[in-house]
Amino acid sequence: MTNHARNGAARERRTRDRLIESGWTQVMRAAGSKGAGDLLLGHPTHGGVLIQVGTASKTLGPADRDRFVAAAELICALPLLATWSRTGVRYFVVTREVPSKWQEWTP
């Protein structure tokens, strides 16, 4: 496993752990970016979230946004981007619109 992959997996675990602390349950993890999202978690009150995890500089182009949002819609999950920086994690609700229009989300 390369350093890049190891760092990505560590970010995914930190994201999962933060959400578990807030009452979410992990449903699955798509290792190696093989799925539309990296993590799928569920909550008894809020339902599901499909999450892409990355650094603060992670971008989703129009085709990636469309694929990600379509996958989340298929499973009735909220599509989220979790970005990590030195100050911690921020979550954004991904839409098909440009990222500047995305709303920040709190678990």
N, C-alpha and C. Protein backbone atom coordinates (compact mmCIF):
# COMPACT_ATOMS: atom_id res chain seq x y z
N MET A 1 0.85 -1.18 0.00
CA MET A 1 0.00 0.00 0.00
C MET A 1 0.90 1.24 0.00
N THR A 2 0.62 2.15 -0.91
CA THR A 2 1.41 3.37 -0.99
C THR A 2 1.06 4.31 0.17
N ASN A 3 1.93 5.29 0.38
CA ASN A 3 1.64 6.29 1.42
C ASN A 3 0.34 7.01 1.14
N HIS A 4 0.10 7.32 -0.14
CA HIS A 4 -1.13 8.03 -0.52
C HIS A 4 -2.36 7.19 -0.13
N ALA A 5 -2.32 5.90 -0.46
CA ALA A 5 -3.44 5.01 -0.12
C ALA A 5 -3.57 4.85 1.39
N ARG A 6 -2.44 4.74 2.08
CA ARG A 6 -2.46 4.59 3.54
C ARG A 6 -3.05 5.84 4.19
N ASN A 7 -2.67 7.02 3.70
CA ASN A 7 -3.21 8.26 4.25
C ASN A 7 -4.71 8.37 3.98
N GLY A 8 -5.13 7.97 2.78
CA GLY A 8 -6.56 8.00 2.44
C GLY A 8 -7.36 7.07 3.33
N ALA A 9 -6.84 5.88 3.57
CA ALA A 9 -7.53 4.91 4.43
C ALA A 9 -7.61 5.45 5.86
N ALA A 10 -6.56 6.12 6.31
CA ALA A 10 -6.57 6.69 7.67
C ALA A 10 -7.62 7.79 7.78
N ARG A 11 -7.76 8.63 6.73
CA ARG A 11 -8.80 9.67 6.74
C ARG A 11 -10.18 9.04 6.78
N GLU A 12 -10.37 7.96 6.02
CA GLU A 12 -11.66 7.27 6.03
C GLU A 12 -11.98 6.72 7.41
N ARG A 13 -10.99 6.12 8.07
CA ARG A 13 -11.21 5.59 9.43
C ARG A 13 -11.54 6.70 10.41
N ARG A 14 -10.83 7.83 10.31
CA ARG A 14 -11.11 8.96 11.21
C ARG A 14 -12.52 9.50 10.97
N THR A 15 -12.92 9.58 9.71
CA THR A 15 -14.27 10.04 9.38
C THR A 15 -15.30 9.09 9.97
N ARG A 16 -15.12 7.80 9.73
CA ARG A 16 -16.02 6.78 10.28
C ARG A 16 -16.10 6.89 11.80
N ASP A 17 -14.96 6.98 12.45
CA ASP A 17 -14.94 7.03 13.92
C ASP A 17 -15.66 8.26 14.46
N ARG A 18 -15.48 9.41 13.81
CA ARG A 18 -16.17 10.63 14.25
C ARG A 18 -17.68 10.45 14.14
N LEU A 19 -18.13 9.86 13.04
CA LEU A 19 -19.57 9.67 12.86
C LEU A 19 -20.12 8.62 13.83
N ILE A 20 -19.37 7.57 14.08
CA ILE A 20 -19.81 6.56 15.05
C ILE A 20 -19.99 7.20 16.43
N GLU A 21 -19.08 8.12 16.78
CA GLU A 21 -19.21 8.84 18.06
C GLU A 21 -20.49 9.66 18.12
N SER A 22 -21.04 10.02 16.95
CA SER A 22 -22.28 10.81 16.88
C SER A 22 -23.51 9.94 16.66
N GLY A 23 -23.36 8.62 16.84
CA GLY A 23 -24.52 7.74 16.77
C GLY A 23 -24.76 7.06 15.43
N TRP A 24 -23.84 7.21 14.48
CA TRP A 24 -23.97 6.57 13.18
C TRP A 24 -23.38 5.17 13.23
N THR A 25 -23.81 4.30 12.31
CA THR A 25 -23.31 2.94 12.20
C THR A 25 -22.73 2.73 10.81
N GLN A 26 -21.52 2.18 10.75
CA GLN A 26 -20.93 1.91 9.43
C GLN A 26 -21.67 0.76 8.76
N VAL A 27 -22.02 0.97 7.51
CA VAL A 27 -22.66 -0.08 6.70
C VAL A 27 -21.62 -0.71 5.80
N MET A 28 -20.79 0.11 5.14
CA MET A 28 -19.74 -0.43 4.28
C MET A 28 -18.66 0.61 4.03
N ARG A 29 -17.52 0.09 3.56
CA ARG A 29 -16.40 0.91 3.11
C ARG A 29 -15.95 0.36 1.78
N ALA A 30 -15.82 1.21 0.79
CA ALA A 30 -15.34 0.81 -0.53
C ALA A 30 -13.84 1.10 -0.60
N ALA A 31 -13.02 0.10 -0.31
CA ALA A 31 -11.58 0.29 -0.29
C ALA A 31 -11.05 0.58 -1.69
N GLY A 32 -10.05 1.43 -1.76
CA GLY A 32 -9.39 1.71 -3.02
C GLY A 32 -10.21 2.52 -4.00
N SER A 33 -11.17 3.29 -3.49
CA SER A 33 -12.00 4.14 -4.35
C SER A 33 -12.65 3.36 -5.48
N LYS A 34 -13.17 2.19 -5.17
CA LYS A 34 -13.80 1.35 -6.19
C LYS A 34 -15.30 1.58 -6.32
N GLY A 35 -15.87 2.40 -5.48
CA GLY A 35 -17.30 2.66 -5.55
C GLY A 35 -17.57 4.14 -5.75
N ALA A 36 -18.84 4.48 -5.82
CA ALA A 36 -19.21 5.89 -5.97
C ALA A 36 -18.81 6.69 -4.73
N GLY A 37 -18.85 6.05 -3.57
CA GLY A 37 -18.47 6.70 -2.32
C GLY A 37 -17.46 5.85 -1.58
N ASP A 38 -16.82 6.44 -0.58
CA ASP A 38 -15.85 5.72 0.24
C ASP A 38 -16.51 5.01 1.41
N LEU A 39 -17.54 5.64 1.99
CA LEU A 39 -18.19 5.11 3.18
C LEU A 39 -19.70 5.23 3.03
N LEU A 40 -20.41 4.28 3.61
CA LEU A 40 -21.86 4.35 3.74
C LEU A 40 -22.17 4.10 5.21
N LEU A 41 -22.83 5.07 5.83
CA LEU A 41 -23.21 4.93 7.23
C LEU A 41 -24.70 5.19 7.36
N GLY A 42 -25.29 4.62 8.41
CA GLY A 42 -26.70 4.81 8.67
C GLY A 42 -26.94 5.29 10.08
N HIS A 43 -28.08 5.95 10.25
CA HIS A 43 -28.48 6.48 11.54
C HIS A 43 -29.97 6.18 11.72
N PRO A 44 -30.39 5.74 12.91
CA PRO A 44 -31.81 5.37 13.09
C PRO A 44 -32.79 6.53 12.89
N THR A 45 -32.35 7.75 13.06
CA THR A 45 -33.22 8.90 12.88
C THR A 45 -33.01 9.59 11.54
N HIS A 46 -31.75 9.72 11.12
CA HIS A 46 -31.41 10.52 9.96
C HIS A 46 -31.29 9.72 8.66
N GLY A 47 -31.27 8.41 8.73
CA GLY A 47 -31.14 7.60 7.52
C GLY A 47 -29.68 7.39 7.15
N GLY A 48 -29.39 7.37 5.85
CA GLY A 48 -28.05 7.04 5.39
C GLY A 48 -27.30 8.22 4.84
N VAL A 49 -25.96 8.10 4.89
CA VAL A 49 -25.07 9.06 4.25
C VAL A 49 -24.05 8.28 3.43
N LEU A 50 -23.86 8.72 2.19
CA LEU A 50 -22.82 8.20 1.32
C LEU A 50 -21.74 9.26 1.30
N ILE A 51 -20.51 8.87 1.61
CA ILE A 51 -19.46 9.86 1.84
C ILE A 51 -18.25 9.63 0.95
N GLN A 52 -17.79 10.71 0.34
CA GLN A 52 -16.48 10.77 -0.30
C GLN A 52 -15.57 11.45 0.71
N VAL A 53 -14.38 10.89 0.93
CA VAL A 53 -13.45 11.44 1.91
C VAL A 53 -12.20 11.92 1.18
N GLY A 54 -11.69 13.07 1.58
CA GLY A 54 -10.45 13.57 0.97
C GLY A 54 -9.84 14.69 1.79
N THR A 55 -8.83 15.30 1.19
CA THR A 55 -8.19 16.45 1.82
C THR A 55 -9.02 17.69 1.50
N ALA A 56 -8.66 18.80 2.10
CA ALA A 56 -9.39 20.05 1.87
C ALA A 56 -9.34 20.47 0.41
N SER A 57 -8.37 19.98 -0.35
CA SER A 57 -8.26 20.36 -1.76
C SER A 57 -9.01 19.40 -2.70
N LYS A 58 -9.70 18.41 -2.15
CA LYS A 58 -10.41 17.45 -3.00
C LYS A 58 -11.49 18.15 -3.80
N THR A 59 -11.55 17.82 -5.08
CA THR A 59 -12.57 18.39 -5.95
C THR A 59 -13.38 17.28 -6.61
N LEU A 60 -14.60 17.59 -6.93
CA LEU A 60 -15.46 16.68 -7.69
C LEU A 60 -15.92 17.44 -8.93
N GLY A 61 -15.48 16.99 -10.08
CA GLY A 61 -15.90 17.62 -11.32
C GLY A 61 -17.36 17.31 -11.61
N PRO A 62 -17.92 17.93 -12.65
CA PRO A 62 -19.34 17.73 -12.96
C PRO A 62 -19.74 16.26 -13.13
N ALA A 63 -18.94 15.47 -13.84
CA ALA A 63 -19.28 14.06 -14.05
C ALA A 63 -19.21 13.28 -12.73
N ASP A 64 -18.19 13.57 -11.91
CA ASP A 64 -18.07 12.91 -10.61
C ASP A 64 -19.22 13.28 -9.68
N ARG A 65 -19.60 14.55 -9.70
CA ARG A 65 -20.74 14.99 -8.87
C ARG A 65 -22.01 14.28 -9.30
N ASP A 66 -22.23 14.22 -10.60
CA ASP A 66 -23.44 13.57 -11.11
C ASP A 66 -23.48 12.10 -10.71
N ARG A 67 -22.38 11.40 -10.89
CA ARG A 67 -22.31 9.96 -10.54
C ARG A 67 -22.53 9.76 -9.04
N PHE A 68 -21.89 10.59 -8.24
CA PHE A 68 -21.98 10.47 -6.78
C PHE A 68 -23.39 10.76 -6.29
N VAL A 69 -23.98 11.86 -6.75
CA VAL A 69 -25.34 12.22 -6.33
C VAL A 69 -26.34 11.18 -6.82
N ALA A 70 -26.18 10.68 -8.05
CA ALA A 70 -27.09 9.65 -8.57
C ALA A 70 -27.02 8.38 -7.73
N ALA A 71 -25.82 7.98 -7.32
CA ALA A 71 -25.67 6.79 -6.47
C ALA A 71 -26.35 7.00 -5.13
N ALA A 72 -26.17 8.17 -4.53
CA ALA A 72 -26.81 8.46 -3.25
C ALA A 72 -28.33 8.45 -3.39
N GLU A 73 -28.84 9.01 -4.48
CA GLU A 73 -30.29 9.02 -4.70
C GLU A 73 -30.84 7.60 -4.83
N LEU A 74 -30.10 6.72 -5.49
CA LEU A 74 -30.55 5.33 -5.65
C LEU A 74 -30.77 4.62 -4.32
N ILE A 75 -29.97 4.98 -3.32
CA ILE A 75 -30.08 4.31 -2.02
C ILE A 75 -30.69 5.22 -0.95
N CYS A 76 -31.26 6.34 -1.38
CA CYS A 76 -31.90 7.28 -0.46
C CYS A 76 -30.96 7.75 0.64
N ALA A 77 -29.72 8.06 0.25
CA ALA A 77 -28.71 8.53 1.21
C ALA A 77 -28.35 9.98 0.89
N LEU A 78 -27.89 10.69 1.89
CA LEU A 78 -27.41 12.05 1.73
C LEU A 78 -25.97 11.98 1.20
N PRO A 79 -25.67 12.62 0.06
CA PRO A 79 -24.30 12.59 -0.47
C PRO A 79 -23.43 13.64 0.23
N LEU A 80 -22.37 13.19 0.87
CA LEU A 80 -21.50 14.11 1.62
C LEU A 80 -20.06 14.01 1.14
N LEU A 81 -19.38 15.16 1.18
CA LEU A 81 -17.94 15.21 1.00
C LEU A 81 -17.35 15.57 2.35
N ALA A 82 -16.46 14.72 2.86
CA ALA A 82 -15.76 14.99 4.12
C ALA A 82 -14.34 15.39 3.77
N THR A 83 -13.97 16.62 4.11
CA THR A 83 -12.62 17.11 3.80
C THR A 83 -11.83 17.32 5.08
N TRP A 84 -10.60 16.84 5.05
CA TRP A 84 -9.72 16.93 6.22
C TRP A 84 -8.61 17.94 5.97
N SER A 85 -8.35 18.74 7.00
CA SER A 85 -7.21 19.67 7.00
C SER A 85 -6.59 19.62 8.40
N ARG A 86 -5.64 20.45 8.62
CA ARG A 86 -4.99 20.47 9.95
C ARG A 86 -5.95 20.86 11.06
N THR A 87 -7.02 21.55 10.71
CA THR A 87 -7.98 21.99 11.73
C THR A 87 -9.09 20.96 11.97
N GLY A 88 -9.08 19.85 11.24
CA GLY A 88 -10.09 18.82 11.44
C GLY A 88 -10.88 18.53 10.19
N VAL A 89 -12.10 18.04 10.38
CA VAL A 89 -12.93 17.62 9.26
C VAL A 89 -14.10 18.58 9.07
N ARG A 90 -14.47 18.78 7.81
CA ARG A 90 -15.67 19.54 7.46
C ARG A 90 -16.47 18.68 6.50
N TYR A 91 -17.79 18.75 6.64
CA TYR A 91 -18.69 17.98 5.79
C TYR A 91 -19.52 18.93 4.93
N PHE A 92 -19.72 18.55 3.67
CA PHE A 92 -20.53 19.34 2.75
C PHE A 92 -21.53 18.43 2.05
N VAL A 93 -22.76 18.91 1.87
CA VAL A 93 -23.77 18.18 1.12
C VAL A 93 -23.49 18.43 -0.36
N VAL A 94 -23.17 17.35 -1.07
CA VAL A 94 -22.84 17.45 -2.48
C VAL A 94 -24.12 17.51 -3.31
N THR A 95 -24.15 18.46 -4.24
CA THR A 95 -25.24 18.55 -5.20
C THR A 95 -24.61 18.56 -6.59
N ARG A 96 -25.45 18.62 -7.60
CA ARG A 96 -24.93 18.70 -8.96
C ARG A 96 -24.44 20.12 -9.30
N GLU A 97 -24.71 21.06 -8.41
CA GLU A 97 -24.26 22.44 -8.61
C GLU A 97 -22.77 22.57 -8.30
N VAL A 98 -22.22 23.72 -8.59
CA VAL A 98 -20.81 23.96 -8.30
C VAL A 98 -20.57 23.91 -6.79
N PRO A 99 -19.37 23.47 -6.38
CA PRO A 99 -19.10 23.31 -4.95
C PRO A 99 -19.33 24.56 -4.11
N SER A 100 -19.18 25.74 -4.66
CA SER A 100 -19.38 26.96 -3.87
C SER A 100 -20.82 27.10 -3.39
N LYS A 101 -21.74 26.33 -3.96
CA LYS A 101 -23.14 26.38 -3.55
C LYS A 101 -23.51 25.28 -2.56
N TRP A 102 -22.56 24.40 -2.24
CA TRP A 102 -22.84 23.31 -1.31
C TRP A 102 -22.98 23.86 0.11
N GLN A 103 -23.88 23.25 0.86
CA GLN A 103 -24.10 23.64 2.25
C GLN A 103 -23.23 22.78 3.17
N GLU A 104 -22.69 23.41 4.20
CA GLU A 104 -21.94 22.64 5.20
C GLU A 104 -22.92 21.84 6.04
N TRP A 105 -22.50 20.66 6.48
CA TRP A 105 -23.36 19.73 7.22
C TRP A 105 -22.66 19.36 8.53
N THR A 106 -23.46 19.19 9.57
CA THR A 106 -22.94 18.78 10.88
C THR A 106 -23.63 17.49 11.30
N PRO A 107 -22.84 16.50 11.71
CA PRO A 107 -23.47 15.22 12.14
C PRO A 107 -24.29 15.37 13.41
